[in-house]
N, C-alpha and C. Protein backbone atom coordinates (compact mmCIF):
# COMPACT_ATOMS: atom_id res chain seq x y z
N UNK A 1 9.51 -4.40 12.65
CA UNK A 1 8.39 -4.48 12.82
C UNK A 1 7.56 -4.03 12.42
N UNK A 2 6.02 -3.79 12.33
CA UNK A 2 5.35 -3.06 11.89
C UNK A 2 4.85 -1.73 12.34
N UNK A 3 4.76 -0.66 11.49
CA UNK A 3 4.87 0.68 12.47
C UNK A 3 3.40 0.66 13.09
N UNK A 4 3.72 1.16 14.67
CA UNK A 4 2.62 1.11 15.27
C UNK A 4 2.08 2.85 15.86
N UNK A 5 3.39 3.15 15.65
CA UNK A 5 3.82 5.15 16.16
C UNK A 5 2.72 6.32 15.49
N UNK A 6 2.94 7.29 15.62
CA UNK A 6 2.63 8.55 15.07
C UNK A 6 2.85 8.27 13.55
N UNK A 7 1.84 7.90 12.70
CA UNK A 7 1.76 8.31 11.15
C UNK A 7 2.34 9.44 10.45
N UNK A 8 1.64 10.83 10.81
CA UNK A 8 2.04 11.86 10.51
C UNK A 8 3.50 11.64 10.65
N UNK A 9 3.91 11.63 11.69
CA UNK A 9 5.40 11.55 12.16
C UNK A 9 6.54 11.14 11.01
N UNK A 10 6.01 9.67 11.12
CA UNK A 10 7.00 9.28 9.94
C UNK A 10 6.49 9.60 8.63
N UNK A 11 5.28 10.09 8.13
CA UNK A 11 5.41 10.69 6.61
C UNK A 11 6.33 12.03 6.63
N UNK A 12 6.21 12.54 7.89
CA UNK A 12 7.62 14.00 7.49
C UNK A 12 8.62 13.43 7.67
N UNK A 13 9.16 12.58 8.19
CA UNK A 13 10.68 11.97 8.35
C UNK A 13 10.76 11.11 6.91
N UNK A 14 10.22 10.75 6.30
CA UNK A 14 10.35 10.20 4.69
C UNK A 14 10.02 11.03 3.91
N UNK A 15 9.48 12.62 4.15
CA UNK A 15 9.21 13.65 3.17
C UNK A 15 7.95 13.22 2.05
N UNK A 16 7.01 12.25 2.49
CA UNK A 16 6.02 11.55 1.30
C UNK A 16 5.18 11.37 2.59
N UNK A 17 3.50 11.66 1.49
CA UNK A 17 2.13 10.80 2.67
C UNK A 17 2.36 9.21 2.14
N UNK A 18 3.27 9.07 3.17
CA UNK A 18 3.63 7.37 3.16
C UNK A 18 2.13 6.53 2.98
N UNK A 19 1.53 7.14 4.23
CA UNK A 19 -0.35 6.28 4.26
C UNK A 19 -1.28 6.85 3.58
N UNK A 20 -0.73 7.65 2.50
CA UNK A 20 -1.99 7.94 1.21
C UNK A 20 -3.04 8.52 2.05
N UNK A 21 -2.96 9.76 3.15
CA UNK A 21 -4.37 9.86 4.00
C UNK A 21 -4.47 11.23 3.93
N UNK A 22 -5.86 11.70 4.45
CA UNK A 22 -5.57 13.11 4.15
C UNK A 22 -4.95 13.78 5.55
N UNK A 23 -4.96 13.22 6.55
CA UNK A 23 -3.92 13.55 7.49
C UNK A 23 -2.41 13.83 7.48
N UNK A 24 -2.16 13.04 6.57
CA UNK A 24 -0.35 13.43 6.11
C UNK A 24 -0.36 14.05 5.17
N UNK A 25 -1.36 14.32 4.55
CA UNK A 25 -1.11 15.45 3.33
C UNK A 25 -1.23 16.69 3.50
N UNK A 26 -2.35 17.05 4.58
CA UNK A 26 -2.36 18.34 5.43
C UNK A 26 -1.38 18.10 6.06
N UNK A 27 -0.42 17.63 6.35
CA UNK A 27 0.52 17.87 7.79
C UNK A 27 1.35 18.22 6.57
N UNK A 28 2.18 17.50 5.86
CA UNK A 28 3.27 17.85 5.00
C UNK A 28 3.21 19.21 3.93
N UNK A 29 1.89 19.67 3.66
CA UNK A 29 1.80 20.82 3.25
C UNK A 29 2.09 22.12 3.96
N UNK A 30 1.52 21.46 5.47
CA UNK A 30 2.07 22.69 6.68
C UNK A 30 3.43 22.69 7.31
N UNK A 31 3.50 21.17 7.47
CA UNK A 31 5.17 21.58 7.76
C UNK A 31 6.27 20.39 6.88
N UNK A 32 6.44 20.89 5.78
CA UNK A 32 7.36 19.83 4.94
C UNK A 32 8.98 19.94 5.08
N UNK A 33 8.89 19.42 6.27
CA UNK A 33 10.23 19.11 6.88
C UNK A 33 10.25 18.28 7.92
N UNK A 34 11.40 17.76 8.20
CA UNK A 34 11.43 16.11 9.09
C UNK A 34 10.74 16.79 10.67
N UNK A 35 10.24 15.82 11.48
CA UNK A 35 9.93 16.62 12.64
C UNK A 35 10.87 16.75 13.93
N UNK A 36 11.21 17.27 15.08
CA UNK A 36 11.79 17.10 15.71
C UNK A 36 12.60 19.11 15.71
N UNK A 37 13.30 19.25 16.87
CA UNK A 37 13.60 20.72 16.94
C UNK A 37 14.16 21.31 15.98
N UNK A 38 14.99 20.13 15.29
CA UNK A 38 16.09 20.60 14.12
C UNK A 38 15.80 20.52 12.82
N UNK A 39 14.38 19.54 12.46
CA UNK A 39 13.58 19.67 11.67
C UNK A 39 13.97 20.61 10.34
N UNK A 40 14.24 21.82 10.65
CA UNK A 40 13.91 22.91 9.68
C UNK A 40 15.80 23.58 9.17
N UNK A 41 16.72 23.02 10.18
CA UNK A 41 17.93 23.06 9.97
C UNK A 41 18.67 22.11 9.31
N UNK A 42 18.53 21.15 9.11
CA UNK A 42 19.39 19.99 8.59
C UNK A 42 19.80 20.41 7.20
N UNK A 43 20.91 20.05 7.05
CA UNK A 43 21.58 20.64 5.89
C UNK A 43 22.61 19.32 5.37
N UNK A 44 22.95 19.68 4.23
CA UNK A 44 23.98 18.53 3.64
C UNK A 44 23.27 17.37 2.56
N UNK A 45 23.64 17.03 1.76
CA UNK A 45 23.46 15.84 0.96
C UNK A 45 23.26 14.53 1.58
N UNK A 46 22.05 13.54 1.89
CA UNK A 46 22.20 12.47 2.63
C UNK A 46 23.42 11.25 1.42
N UNK A 47 23.77 10.40 1.96
CA UNK A 47 24.79 9.37 1.65
C UNK A 47 23.61 8.79 0.74
N UNK A 48 24.29 8.04 -0.41
CA UNK A 48 23.73 6.88 -1.13
C UNK A 48 23.03 5.75 -1.11
N UNK A 49 23.49 5.55 0.45
CA UNK A 49 22.77 4.26 1.22
C UNK A 49 21.39 5.13 2.08
N UNK A 50 21.55 6.13 2.76
CA UNK A 50 20.74 6.93 3.10
C UNK A 50 19.54 7.18 2.36
N UNK A 51 19.35 7.09 0.97
CA UNK A 51 18.71 7.74 0.14
C UNK A 51 18.20 6.25 -0.54
N UNK A 52 18.20 5.36 -0.53
CA UNK A 52 18.26 4.08 -0.44
C UNK A 52 17.56 3.23 0.17
N UNK A 53 18.18 3.83 1.47
CA UNK A 53 17.34 3.02 2.64
C UNK A 53 15.82 3.75 2.89
N UNK A 54 15.83 5.09 2.47
CA UNK A 54 14.81 5.77 2.84
C UNK A 54 13.85 5.24 1.74
N UNK A 55 14.24 5.03 0.53
CA UNK A 55 12.89 4.59 -0.42
C UNK A 55 12.61 3.25 0.10
N UNK A 56 13.30 2.40 0.01
CA UNK A 56 12.91 1.01 0.83
C UNK A 56 11.70 1.19 1.94
N UNK A 57 12.02 2.10 3.23
CA UNK A 57 11.34 2.16 4.10
C UNK A 57 9.84 2.77 3.78
N UNK A 58 9.90 3.87 2.74
CA UNK A 58 8.95 4.12 2.07
C UNK A 58 7.85 2.84 1.58
N UNK A 59 8.53 1.97 1.09
CA UNK A 59 7.11 1.00 0.22
C UNK A 59 7.05 0.21 1.64
N UNK A 60 7.75 -0.13 2.28
CA UNK A 60 7.82 -1.05 3.68
C UNK A 60 6.62 -0.39 4.47
N UNK A 61 6.62 0.43 4.70
CA UNK A 61 5.47 1.34 5.35
C UNK A 61 4.43 1.46 4.58
N UNK A 62 4.49 1.86 3.51
CA UNK A 62 3.13 2.24 2.34
C UNK A 62 2.24 0.89 2.72
N UNK A 63 3.08 -0.18 2.40
CA UNK A 63 2.22 -1.63 2.24
C UNK A 63 2.17 -2.32 3.48
N UNK A 64 3.13 -1.94 4.94
CA UNK A 64 2.48 -2.47 5.63
C UNK A 64 3.28 -3.60 6.28
N UNK A 65 4.43 -3.80 5.63
CA UNK A 65 4.57 -5.11 5.69
C UNK A 65 6.23 -5.16 7.04
N UNK A 66 6.34 -6.15 7.73
CA UNK A 66 7.64 -6.03 8.68
C UNK A 66 9.01 -6.60 7.45
N UNK A 67 10.36 -6.16 8.00
CA UNK A 67 11.15 -6.10 7.37
C UNK A 67 11.47 -7.65 6.75
N UNK A 68 11.12 -8.94 7.49
CA UNK A 68 11.45 -10.20 7.03
C UNK A 68 10.38 -10.41 6.40
N UNK A 69 9.40 -9.87 5.92
CA UNK A 69 7.92 -10.20 4.97
C UNK A 69 8.71 -9.56 3.59
N UNK A 70 9.14 -8.15 3.39
CA UNK A 70 9.32 -7.44 2.84
C UNK A 70 10.91 -7.67 2.08
N UNK A 71 11.82 -8.57 2.76
CA UNK A 71 13.13 -9.13 2.13
C UNK A 71 12.44 -9.98 1.51
N UNK A 72 11.89 -10.94 1.95
CA UNK A 72 11.25 -12.40 1.49
C UNK A 72 10.64 -11.84 -0.02
N UNK A 73 9.98 -11.11 -0.13
CA UNK A 73 9.31 -10.55 -1.29
C UNK A 73 10.27 -9.99 -2.09
N UNK A 74 11.22 -9.34 -1.77
CA UNK A 74 12.11 -9.14 -2.77
C UNK A 74 12.80 -9.84 -3.25
N UNK A 75 13.23 -10.97 -2.42
CA UNK A 75 14.11 -11.95 -3.02
C UNK A 75 13.11 -13.13 -4.23
N UNK A 76 11.76 -12.94 -3.94
CA UNK A 76 10.94 -13.79 -4.96
C UNK A 76 11.03 -12.87 -6.21
N UNK A 77 10.83 -11.54 -5.94
CA UNK A 77 10.86 -11.05 -7.30
C UNK A 77 11.93 -10.87 -8.24
N UNK A 78 12.95 -10.91 -7.60
CA UNK A 78 14.61 -11.53 -7.85
C UNK A 78 14.69 -12.60 -8.69
N UNK A 79 13.60 -13.88 -8.22
CA UNK A 79 14.11 -14.70 -8.63
C UNK A 79 12.70 -15.12 -9.89
N UNK A 80 12.08 -13.97 -10.20
CA UNK A 80 10.99 -14.16 -11.28
C UNK A 80 11.84 -13.48 -12.52
N UNK A 81 10.94 -13.71 -13.68
CA UNK A 81 11.44 -13.04 -14.87
C UNK A 81 11.16 -11.69 -14.96
N UNK A 82 11.73 -10.96 -15.55
CA UNK A 82 11.33 -9.48 -15.93
C UNK A 82 12.38 -8.40 -14.59
N UNK A 83 11.82 -7.17 -14.55
CA UNK A 83 12.58 -6.21 -13.76
C UNK A 83 12.06 -6.37 -12.25
N UNK A 84 13.19 -7.03 -11.65
CA UNK A 84 13.08 -6.85 -10.03
C UNK A 84 11.65 -6.00 -9.35
N UNK A 85 12.39 -4.57 -9.64
CA UNK A 85 11.59 -3.99 -8.71
C UNK A 85 10.26 -3.70 -9.54
N UNK A 86 10.19 -3.88 -10.78
CA UNK A 86 8.70 -4.05 -11.27
C UNK A 86 8.06 -5.18 -10.52
N UNK A 87 8.24 -6.44 -10.48
CA UNK A 87 7.89 -7.47 -10.17
C UNK A 87 7.43 -7.21 -8.49
N UNK A 88 8.72 -6.78 -7.75
CA UNK A 88 8.06 -5.93 -6.62
C UNK A 88 7.00 -5.35 -6.18
N UNK A 89 7.21 -4.27 -6.95
CA UNK A 89 5.37 -3.36 -6.85
C UNK A 89 4.59 -4.30 -7.52
N UNK A 90 4.31 -4.87 -8.25
CA UNK A 90 3.31 -5.76 -8.51
C UNK A 90 2.76 -7.20 -7.50
N UNK A 91 3.90 -7.42 -7.06
CA UNK A 91 3.58 -8.09 -5.82
C UNK A 91 2.88 -7.57 -5.10
N UNK A 92 3.22 -6.54 -4.30
CA UNK A 92 2.82 -6.10 -3.21
C UNK A 92 1.23 -5.18 -3.54
N UNK A 93 1.04 -4.69 -4.98
CA UNK A 93 0.26 -4.32 -5.66
C UNK A 93 -1.10 -5.43 -5.22
N UNK A 94 -0.70 -7.04 -5.66
CA UNK A 94 -1.78 -7.83 -5.61
C UNK A 94 -2.14 -8.38 -4.51
N UNK A 95 -1.52 -7.47 -3.29
CA UNK A 95 -1.99 -7.96 -1.96
C UNK A 95 -3.22 -7.61 -2.02
N UNK A 96 -4.00 -8.83 -1.07
CA UNK A 96 -5.43 -8.95 -0.56
C UNK A 96 -5.80 -7.48 0.12
N UNK A 97 -5.10 -6.98 1.00
CA UNK A 97 -5.40 -5.67 1.89
C UNK A 97 -5.18 -4.75 0.80
N UNK A 98 -4.16 -4.79 -0.34
CA UNK A 98 -3.79 -3.72 -1.05
C UNK A 98 -5.53 -3.18 -1.75
N UNK A 99 -5.53 -4.49 -2.45
CA UNK A 99 -6.90 -4.50 -3.49
C UNK A 99 -8.28 -3.89 -2.73
N UNK A 100 -8.43 -4.43 -1.79
CA UNK A 100 -9.15 -3.24 -0.82
C UNK A 100 -9.81 -2.17 -0.44
N UNK A 101 -7.79 -1.67 -0.33
CA UNK A 101 -7.73 -0.16 0.02
C UNK A 101 -7.93 0.20 -1.56
N UNK A 102 -7.57 0.04 -2.53
CA UNK A 102 -7.87 0.32 -4.00
C UNK A 102 -9.35 0.11 -4.39
N UNK A 103 -9.66 -0.51 -4.05
CA UNK A 103 -11.51 -0.52 -4.50
C UNK A 103 -11.95 0.36 -3.52
N UNK A 104 -11.79 1.33 -2.49
CA UNK A 104 -12.31 2.22 -2.34
C UNK A 104 -13.13 1.94 -0.57
N UNK A 105 -13.07 0.77 -0.14
CA UNK A 105 -13.89 -0.10 0.77
C UNK A 105 -13.05 0.75 2.06
N UNK A 106 -11.80 0.60 1.73
CA UNK A 106 -11.07 1.19 3.57
C UNK A 106 -10.33 2.77 3.09
N UNK A 107 -10.32 3.10 4.22
CA UNK A 107 -9.76 4.49 3.82
C UNK A 107 -8.05 4.69 4.17
N UNK A 108 -7.67 3.37 4.20
CA UNK A 108 -6.06 3.18 4.69
C UNK A 108 -5.99 2.14 4.65
N UNK A 109 -4.56 1.48 4.27
CA UNK A 109 -4.32 0.34 3.87
C UNK A 109 -4.83 -0.05 5.32
N UNK A 110 -4.07 -0.05 6.67
CA UNK A 110 -4.22 -0.31 7.89
C UNK A 110 -5.87 -0.84 8.08
N UNK A 111 -6.60 -0.17 7.74
CA UNK A 111 -7.89 -0.14 8.03
C UNK A 111 -8.48 -1.15 7.12
N UNK A 112 -7.84 -1.39 6.02
CA UNK A 112 -8.16 -2.48 4.87
C UNK A 112 -7.42 -4.01 5.57
N UNK A 113 -6.37 -3.81 6.05
CA UNK A 113 -5.79 -5.37 6.42
C UNK A 113 -7.05 -5.54 7.80
N UNK A 114 -7.49 -4.63 8.30
CA UNK A 114 -8.30 -5.07 9.39
C UNK A 114 -9.38 -5.43 8.92
N UNK A 115 -10.31 -5.10 8.13
CA UNK A 115 -11.37 -5.57 7.61
C UNK A 115 -11.03 -7.22 6.61
N UNK A 116 -10.10 -7.48 6.58
CA UNK A 116 -9.62 -8.73 6.06
C UNK A 116 -9.30 -9.66 6.99
N UNK A 117 -8.59 -9.21 8.01
CA UNK A 117 -8.56 -10.27 9.25
C UNK A 117 -9.99 -10.05 10.03
N UNK A 118 -11.01 -9.59 10.13
CA UNK A 118 -12.22 -9.55 10.35
C UNK A 118 -13.06 -10.61 9.42
N UNK A 119 -12.66 -11.18 8.83
CA UNK A 119 -13.59 -11.68 7.81
C UNK A 119 -14.55 -11.23 6.96
N UNK A 120 -14.48 -9.70 6.62
CA UNK A 120 -15.70 -9.19 6.10
C UNK A 120 -15.44 -9.23 4.60
N UNK A 121 -14.26 -9.88 4.21
CA UNK A 121 -14.14 -10.20 2.45
C UNK A 121 -14.69 -11.70 2.04
N UNK A 122 -14.63 -11.95 1.02
CA UNK A 122 -14.68 -13.24 0.35
C UNK A 122 -14.26 -12.82 -0.69
N UNK A 123 -13.07 -14.03 -1.00
CA UNK A 123 -12.56 -14.06 -1.93
C UNK A 123 -12.71 -15.49 -3.08
N UNK A 124 -13.35 -15.19 -3.88
CA UNK A 124 -13.99 -16.27 -4.99
C UNK A 124 -14.81 -16.61 -4.68
N UNK A 125 -15.98 -16.14 -3.28
CA UNK A 125 -16.96 -16.68 -2.48
C UNK A 125 -16.46 -17.44 -1.31
N UNK A 126 -15.10 -17.66 -1.27
CA UNK A 126 -14.53 -17.98 0.16
C UNK A 126 -14.29 -16.93 1.13
N UNK A 127 -14.87 -17.00 2.49
CA UNK A 127 -14.39 -15.81 3.50
C UNK A 127 -12.96 -16.25 3.83
N UNK A 128 -12.08 -15.23 3.86
CA UNK A 128 -10.38 -15.21 4.20
C UNK A 128 -10.42 -14.16 5.42
N UNK A 129 -9.44 -14.60 5.74
CA UNK A 129 -8.42 -13.61 6.81
C UNK A 129 -7.32 -13.28 6.56
N UNK A 130 -6.58 -13.76 5.69
CA UNK A 130 -5.27 -13.41 5.54
C UNK A 130 -4.95 -12.33 4.62
N UNK A 131 -4.43 -11.15 5.27
CA UNK A 131 -4.46 -9.93 4.29
C UNK A 131 -3.58 -10.04 3.15
N UNK A 132 -2.15 -10.99 3.33
CA UNK A 132 -1.25 -11.01 2.51
C UNK A 132 -1.22 -11.63 0.91
N UNK A 133 -2.24 -12.77 0.86
CA UNK A 133 -2.83 -13.27 0.13
C UNK A 133 -2.66 -12.80 -1.40
N UNK A 134 -1.76 -13.29 -2.26
CA UNK A 134 -1.74 -12.58 -3.22
C UNK A 134 -2.66 -13.05 -4.38
N UNK A 135 -3.28 -11.75 -5.16
CA UNK A 135 -4.11 -12.52 -6.20
C UNK A 135 -3.86 -12.61 -7.32
N UNK A 136 -4.54 -13.20 -8.04
CA UNK A 136 -4.35 -13.20 -9.67
C UNK A 136 -5.18 -12.75 -10.38
N UNK A 137 -5.08 -12.72 -11.63
CA UNK A 137 -6.18 -11.85 -12.78
C UNK A 137 -7.48 -13.31 -12.82
N UNK A 138 -8.42 -12.88 -12.96
CA UNK A 138 -9.61 -13.33 -12.35
C UNK A 138 -9.95 -13.53 -10.85
N UNK A 139 -9.50 -13.51 -10.18
CA UNK A 139 -9.83 -13.62 -8.76
C UNK A 139 -10.72 -12.43 -8.57
N UNK A 140 -11.38 -12.36 -7.84
CA UNK A 140 -12.76 -11.74 -7.70
C UNK A 140 -13.05 -11.57 -5.77
N UNK A 141 -13.15 -10.09 -5.55
CA UNK A 141 -13.16 -9.90 -3.75
C UNK A 141 -14.60 -9.21 -3.67
N UNK A 142 -15.45 -9.70 -3.04
CA UNK A 142 -16.59 -9.22 -3.10
C UNK A 142 -16.81 -8.99 -1.07
N UNK A 143 -17.55 -7.81 -1.01
CA UNK A 143 -18.27 -7.48 0.39
C UNK A 143 -19.01 -8.84 1.13
N UNK A 144 -18.56 -9.52 2.33
CA UNK A 144 -19.27 -10.48 2.37
C UNK A 144 -20.23 -9.92 3.59
N UNK A 145 -21.46 -11.08 3.71
CA UNK A 145 -22.43 -11.00 4.69
C UNK A 145 -22.91 -9.61 4.51
N UNK A 146 -23.06 -8.80 5.85
CA UNK A 146 -23.40 -7.36 5.99
C UNK A 146 -22.27 -6.26 5.94
N UNK A 147 -21.20 -6.55 5.53
CA UNK A 147 -20.21 -5.63 5.39
C UNK A 147 -20.61 -4.74 4.61
N UNK A 148 -21.14 -4.86 3.74
CA UNK A 148 -21.37 -3.63 2.88
C UNK A 148 -22.69 -2.90 3.27
N UNK A 149 -22.93 -3.38 4.51
CA UNK A 149 -23.96 -2.36 4.98
C UNK A 149 -23.37 -1.38 6.31
N UNK A 150 -22.43 -2.26 6.58
CA UNK A 150 -21.42 -1.32 7.63
C UNK A 150 -21.43 -0.19 7.57
N UNK A 151 -21.53 0.96 8.56
CA UNK A 151 -21.61 1.83 8.47
C UNK A 151 -19.90 2.72 8.15
N UNK A 152 -19.04 2.10 8.53
CA UNK A 152 -17.53 2.56 8.15
C UNK A 152 -17.21 2.50 6.71
N UNK A 153 -18.03 1.43 6.40
CA UNK A 153 -17.77 1.18 4.75
C UNK A 153 -18.43 1.83 4.15
N UNK A 154 -19.81 2.02 4.19
CA UNK A 154 -20.40 2.90 3.34
C UNK A 154 -20.13 4.08 3.38
N UNK A 155 -19.63 4.50 4.65
CA UNK A 155 -19.02 6.05 4.58
C UNK A 155 -18.02 6.37 3.73
N UNK A 156 -16.89 5.46 3.21
CA UNK A 156 -15.94 5.53 2.97
C UNK A 156 -16.49 5.30 1.30
N UNK A 157 -17.33 4.30 0.80
CA UNK A 157 -17.64 4.57 -0.65
C UNK A 157 -18.11 5.57 -0.67
N UNK A 158 -18.87 6.91 0.18
CA UNK A 158 -19.35 7.67 -0.20
C UNK A 158 -18.81 8.81 -0.57
N UNK A 159 -17.55 8.70 0.62
CA UNK A 159 -17.02 9.90 0.74
C UNK A 159 -15.70 9.59 0.06
N UNK A 160 -15.06 8.98 -0.12
CA UNK A 160 -13.63 9.13 -1.01
C UNK A 160 -13.51 8.66 -2.33
N UNK A 161 -12.84 10.18 -2.54
CA UNK A 161 -12.41 10.12 -4.27
C UNK A 161 -11.67 9.13 -4.77
N UNK A 162 -12.00 7.73 -5.04
CA UNK A 162 -10.89 6.66 -5.25
C UNK A 162 -11.43 6.61 -6.94
N UNK A 163 -10.44 6.44 -7.26
CA UNK A 163 -9.95 6.29 -8.82
C UNK A 163 -9.77 4.83 -8.69
N UNK A 164 -10.47 3.42 -9.46
CA UNK A 164 -9.84 2.30 -9.47
C UNK A 164 -9.43 2.35 -10.40
N UNK A 165 -7.94 1.30 -10.25
CA UNK A 165 -6.92 1.32 -11.23
C UNK A 165 -7.42 0.41 -12.35
N UNK A 166 -6.73 0.77 -13.12
CA UNK A 166 -7.33 -0.22 -14.47
C UNK A 166 -6.88 -1.66 -14.71
N UNK A 167 -6.54 -1.70 -13.56
CA UNK A 167 -6.10 -3.34 -13.66
C UNK A 167 -7.12 -4.18 -12.48
N UNK A 168 -7.99 -2.95 -12.04
CA UNK A 168 -9.16 -3.86 -11.27
C UNK A 168 -10.47 -3.62 -11.97
N UNK A 169 -11.62 -4.43 -11.88
CA UNK A 169 -13.03 -3.85 -12.57
C UNK A 169 -13.87 -3.86 -11.53
N UNK A 170 -14.52 -2.79 -10.71
CA UNK A 170 -15.44 -2.69 -10.03
C UNK A 170 -16.87 -3.19 -10.51
N UNK A 171 -17.84 -3.82 -9.81
CA UNK A 171 -19.09 -3.85 -10.24
C UNK A 171 -19.91 -2.81 -9.78
N UNK A 172 -20.92 -2.74 -10.78
CA UNK A 172 -22.08 -1.93 -11.17
C UNK A 172 -22.34 -1.38 -9.30
N UNK A 173 -22.78 -2.08 -8.26
CA UNK A 173 -23.12 -1.70 -7.29
C UNK A 173 -21.91 -1.49 -6.34
N UNK A 174 -20.59 -1.41 -6.84
CA UNK A 174 -19.31 -1.37 -5.92
C UNK A 174 -19.30 -2.46 -4.75
N UNK A 175 -19.96 -3.57 -4.79
CA UNK A 175 -19.99 -4.44 -3.88
C UNK A 175 -18.60 -5.80 -4.29
N UNK A 176 -18.72 -5.64 -5.53
CA UNK A 176 -17.33 -6.69 -5.73
C UNK A 176 -16.30 -5.72 -6.91
N UNK A 177 -14.95 -6.45 -6.55
CA UNK A 177 -13.80 -6.42 -7.57
C UNK A 177 -13.62 -7.57 -8.06
N UNK A 178 -12.86 -7.43 -9.37
CA UNK A 178 -12.06 -8.42 -9.81
C UNK A 178 -10.86 -7.87 -10.62
N UNK A 179 -9.94 -8.64 -10.19
CA UNK A 179 -9.05 -8.65 -11.13
C UNK A 179 -8.88 -9.49 -12.28
N UNK A 180 -8.53 -7.67 -13.15
CA UNK A 180 -8.75 -8.02 -14.75
C UNK A 180 -7.33 -8.48 -15.35
N UNK A 181 -6.17 -8.18 -14.77
CA UNK A 181 -4.83 -8.37 -15.10
C UNK A 181 -3.78 -7.90 -14.20
N UNK A 182 -2.64 -8.70 -14.25
CA UNK A 182 -2.07 -8.27 -13.42
C UNK A 182 -1.13 -6.72 -13.50
N UNK A 183 -1.16 -5.89 -12.65
CA UNK A 183 -0.82 -4.29 -13.05
C UNK A 183 0.35 -4.15 -13.33
N UNK A 184 0.75 -3.52 -14.35
CA UNK A 184 2.01 -3.21 -15.30
C UNK A 184 2.25 -1.91 -14.42
N UNK A 185 3.52 -1.59 -14.45
CA UNK A 185 4.63 -0.41 -14.03
C UNK A 185 3.69 1.25 -14.05
N UNK A 186 3.66 1.27 -15.15
CA UNK A 186 2.45 2.14 -15.53
C UNK A 186 1.35 2.81 -14.43
N UNK A 187 0.94 1.54 -13.92
CA UNK A 187 -0.81 1.47 -13.71
C UNK A 187 -0.73 1.59 -12.01
N UNK A 188 0.88 1.71 -11.53
CA UNK A 188 1.21 1.34 -9.89
C UNK A 188 1.80 3.18 -9.68
N UNK A 189 0.71 3.25 -8.65
CA UNK A 189 1.10 5.15 -8.06
C UNK A 189 1.57 4.64 -6.59
N UNK A 190 3.31 4.76 -6.60
CA UNK A 190 3.34 4.73 -5.12
C UNK A 190 4.30 5.63 -5.19
N UNK A 191 4.27 6.32 -3.53
CA UNK A 191 5.68 7.53 -3.44
C UNK A 191 7.14 7.17 -3.30
N UNK A 192 7.42 6.27 -3.80
CA UNK A 192 8.71 5.62 -4.01
C UNK A 192 9.37 5.31 -5.01
N UNK A 193 10.76 5.39 -5.01
CA UNK A 193 11.61 5.01 -6.17
C UNK A 193 12.07 3.54 -6.02
N UNK A 194 11.44 1.91 -6.94
CA UNK A 194 11.32 1.03 -6.17
C UNK A 194 12.99 0.65 -6.79
N UNK A 195 13.56 1.08 -7.71
CA UNK A 195 15.07 0.71 -8.37
C UNK A 195 15.98 1.05 -7.53
N UNK A 196 15.88 1.87 -6.95
CA UNK A 196 16.87 2.49 -5.37
C UNK A 196 16.63 1.36 -4.17
N UNK A 197 15.48 0.95 -4.19
CA UNK A 197 15.11 -0.43 -3.33
C UNK A 197 16.40 -1.74 -3.99
N UNK A 198 16.07 -2.05 -5.02
CA UNK A 198 17.27 -3.17 -5.67
C UNK A 198 18.36 -2.09 -5.65
N UNK A 199 19.08 -1.48 -5.80
CA UNK A 199 20.53 -1.06 -5.30
C UNK A 199 20.74 -1.40 -4.00
N UNK A 200 19.92 -0.86 -3.04
CA UNK A 200 20.25 -1.51 -1.39
C UNK A 200 20.25 -2.48 -1.71
N UNK A 201 19.18 -3.47 -1.79
CA UNK A 201 19.39 -4.94 -1.78
C UNK A 201 20.72 -5.65 -2.55
N UNK A 202 21.24 -4.84 -3.26
CA UNK A 202 22.22 -5.52 -4.07
C UNK A 202 23.44 -4.57 -3.75
N UNK A 203 23.75 -4.33 -2.81
CA UNK A 203 25.11 -3.82 -2.14
C UNK A 203 25.97 -4.94 -1.50
């Protein structure tokens, strides 16, 4: 199931700012150890399985997928030509909610998912409400209707220090972004090792 509990606690447990937000970054800087009364006293090297599982959880929680969704996406990545781990990351990055997040319209991916679900975005001129839609090269996403004047979106655009990745092209007024090419591994910044995810599912 999708995580609905404390995000900071989950980030501390996984050891990275999995939601890529300011609160998580501050918490890990202040308390860089797992939560709980024994967080600072845990010793011993985790097993290979535990390390692989942790990397999978980092990706799954970062992009907000249910376990079954994530497994299905992995199996599709495995069927495609190329490196399975790279395919998986590319599919995750091309999700509509992630593109909204990468464009700087939303502070977090959960917020981006909410914007899409509420019908605030247009994909190639048509209103969409499905966050998991996978975009392709040439697709254009636009802030629809009055979305670009919403206080929360304007605040995000004015305050978030977002560098739009090279595989996206933002319009001059920042009301639209276009997928210029599918992302390659070097263009995807995620706090996880995708090859350990492949090792986990290959057991």
